[in-house]
Amino acid sequence: MSNVVLFRRPAPPAARARCDVISVADDLFATLDGLQDLAERAALMGRPAIEVERTVRNLRDAVGALERALDCLGEGSEAAPA
């Protein structure tokens, strides 16, 4: 018996077929929208101010990373570093 826990199972072959630029960009846009909504909701949490600030800052950093990833897809090359 193994003590290794798999956190993510390999995608089935059908899911790997959706690896074209348009489907990846569409998924990135959907994730971007979700993160922006999540950051807005996190800002309204009734938690200590420092916790809310750090949470929102990290979510905004993630939004920026997704935007740079989308820029890379749109440009066909690597975007400038943040």
C-alpha atoms as a PDB file:
ATOM      1  CA  MET A   1       0.000   0.000   0.000  1.00  0.00           C
ATOM      2  CA  SER A   2       1.362   3.407  -0.930  1.00  0.00           C
ATOM      3  CA  ASN A   3       1.282   6.422   1.346  1.00  0.00           C
ATOM      4  CA  VAL A   4       1.302   8.816  -1.614  1.00  0.00           C
ATOM      5  CA  VAL A   5      -1.889  10.815  -2.078  1.00  0.00           C
ATOM      6  CA  LEU A   6      -2.647  12.021  -5.572  1.00  0.00           C
ATOM      7  CA  PHE A   7      -3.901  15.595  -5.478  1.00  0.00           C
ATOM      8  CA  ARG A   8      -4.687  15.745  -9.163  1.00  0.00           C
ATOM      9  CA  ARG A   9      -5.471  12.863 -11.414  1.00  0.00           C
ATOM     10  CA  PRO A  10      -4.294  12.922 -15.022  1.00  0.00           C
ATOM     11  CA  ALA A  11      -6.851  14.360 -17.395  1.00  0.00           C
ATOM     12  CA  PRO A  12      -8.703  11.840 -19.519  1.00  0.00           C
ATOM     13  CA  PRO A  13      -7.680  11.794 -23.195  1.00  0.00           C
ATOM     14  CA  ALA A  14     -10.867  13.611 -24.269  1.00  0.00           C
ATOM     15  CA  ALA A  15     -10.050  16.593 -22.030  1.00  0.00           C
ATOM     16  CA  ARG A  16      -6.550  16.848 -23.469  1.00  0.00           C
ATOM     17  CA  ALA A  17      -8.064  17.418 -26.890  1.00  0.00           C
ATOM     18  CA  ARG A  18      -9.177  20.888 -25.697  1.00  0.00           C
ATOM     19  CA  CYS A  19      -5.630  22.248 -25.734  1.00  0.00           C
ATOM     20  CA  ASP A  20      -6.013  24.740 -28.560  1.00  0.00           C
ATOM     21  CA  VAL A  21      -5.331  28.447 -28.011  1.00  0.00           C
ATOM     22  CA  ILE A  22      -8.983  29.489 -28.129  1.00  0.00           C
ATOM     23  CA  SER A  23     -10.168  27.011 -25.499  1.00  0.00           C
ATOM     24  CA  VAL A  24      -7.230  27.831 -23.204  1.00  0.00           C
ATOM     25  CA  ALA A  25      -7.865  31.574 -23.584  1.00  0.00           C
ATOM     26  CA  ASP A  26     -11.574  31.042 -22.911  1.00  0.00           C
ATOM     27  CA  ASP A  27     -10.759  29.123 -19.728  1.00  0.00           C
ATOM     28  CA  LEU A  28      -8.309  31.863 -18.674  1.00  0.00           C
ATOM     29  CA  PHE A  29     -10.980  34.537 -19.185  1.00  0.00           C
ATOM     30  CA  ALA A  30     -13.474  32.517 -17.131  1.00  0.00           C
ATOM     31  CA  THR A  31     -10.925  32.083 -14.344  1.00  0.00           C
ATOM     32  CA  LEU A  32     -10.066  35.782 -14.509  1.00  0.00           C
ATOM     33  CA  ASP A  33     -13.719  36.747 -14.083  1.00  0.00           C
ATOM     34  CA  GLY A  34     -14.038  34.361 -11.155  1.00  0.00           C
ATOM     35  CA  LEU A  35     -10.939  35.730  -9.424  1.00  0.00           C
ATOM     36  CA  GLN A  36     -12.054  39.321  -9.858  1.00  0.00           C
ATOM     37  CA  ASP A  37     -15.425  38.475  -8.292  1.00  0.00           C
ATOM     38  CA  LEU A  38     -13.697  36.579  -5.497  1.00  0.00           C
ATOM     39  CA  ALA A  39     -11.395  39.540  -4.749  1.00  0.00           C
ATOM     40  CA  GLU A  40     -14.405  41.857  -4.493  1.00  0.00           C
ATOM     41  CA  ARG A  41     -16.163  39.470  -2.105  1.00  0.00           C
ATOM     42  CA  ALA A  42     -12.987  38.960  -0.055  1.00  0.00           C
ATOM     43  CA  ALA A  43     -12.723  42.724   0.408  1.00  0.00           C
ATOM     44  CA  LEU A  44     -16.101  42.643   2.175  1.00  0.00           C
ATOM     45  CA  MET A  45     -15.218  39.874   4.650  1.00  0.00           C
ATOM     46  CA  GLY A  46     -15.702  40.675   8.293  1.00  0.00           C
ATOM     47  CA  ARG A  47     -12.169  39.575   9.173  1.00  0.00           C
ATOM     48  CA  PRO A  48      -9.203  41.509  10.610  1.00  0.00           C
ATOM     49  CA  ALA A  49      -8.072  44.254   8.215  1.00  0.00           C
ATOM     50  CA  ILE A  50      -4.575  42.820   7.662  1.00  0.00           C
ATOM     51  CA  GLU A  51      -6.021  39.420   6.727  1.00  0.00           C
ATOM     52  CA  VAL A  52      -8.449  40.966   4.238  1.00  0.00           C
ATOM     53  CA  GLU A  53      -5.706  43.172   2.777  1.00  0.00           C
ATOM     54  CA  ARG A  54      -3.321  40.266   2.243  1.00  0.00           C
ATOM     55  CA  THR A  55      -6.053  38.064   0.787  1.00  0.00           C
ATOM     56  CA  VAL A  56      -7.173  40.730  -1.677  1.00  0.00           C
ATOM     57  CA  ARG A  57      -3.572  41.607  -2.594  1.00  0.00           C
ATOM     58  CA  ASN A  58      -2.788  37.960  -3.378  1.00  0.00           C
ATOM     59  CA  LEU A  59      -5.958  37.589  -5.433  1.00  0.00           C
ATOM     60  CA  ARG A  60      -5.081  40.767  -7.369  1.00  0.00           C
ATOM     61  CA  ASP A  61      -1.609  39.328  -7.998  1.00  0.00           C
ATOM     62  CA  ALA A  62      -3.266  36.204  -9.393  1.00  0.00           C
ATOM     63  CA  VAL A  63      -5.470  38.384 -11.628  1.00  0.00           C
ATOM     64  CA  GLY A  64      -2.337  40.127 -12.914  1.00  0.00           C
ATOM     65  CA  ALA A  65      -0.678  36.781 -13.633  1.00  0.00           C
ATOM     66  CA  LEU A  66      -3.709  35.623 -15.626  1.00  0.00           C
ATOM     67  CA  GLU A  67      -3.732  38.886 -17.581  1.00  0.00           C
ATOM     68  CA  ARG A  68      -0.047  38.401 -18.460  1.00  0.00           C
ATOM     69  CA  ALA A  69      -0.784  34.814 -19.531  1.00  0.00           C
ATOM     70  CA  LEU A  70      -3.549  36.076 -21.808  1.00  0.00           C
ATOM     71  CA  ASP A  71      -1.153  38.680 -23.226  1.00  0.00           C
ATOM     72  CA  CYS A  72       1.283  35.877 -24.041  1.00  0.00           C
ATOM     73  CA  LEU A  73      -1.403  33.993 -25.932  1.00  0.00           C
ATOM     74  CA  GLY A  74      -2.488  37.111 -27.799  1.00  0.00           C
ATOM     75  CA  GLU A  75       1.029  38.131 -28.756  1.00  0.00           C
ATOM     76  CA  GLY A  76       2.265  34.678 -29.562  1.00  0.00           C
ATOM     77  CA  SER A  77       5.315  35.339 -27.395  1.00  0.00           C
ATOM     78  CA  GLU A  78       6.218  35.832 -23.775  1.00  0.00           C
ATOM     79  CA  ALA A  79       4.883  39.011 -22.197  1.00  0.00           C
ATOM     80  CA  ALA A  80       7.096  41.440 -20.310  1.00  0.00           C
ATOM     81  CA  PRO A  81       7.770  40.522 -16.680  1.00  0.00           C
ATOM     82  CA  ALA A  82       5.663  42.149 -13.990  1.00  0.00           C
END
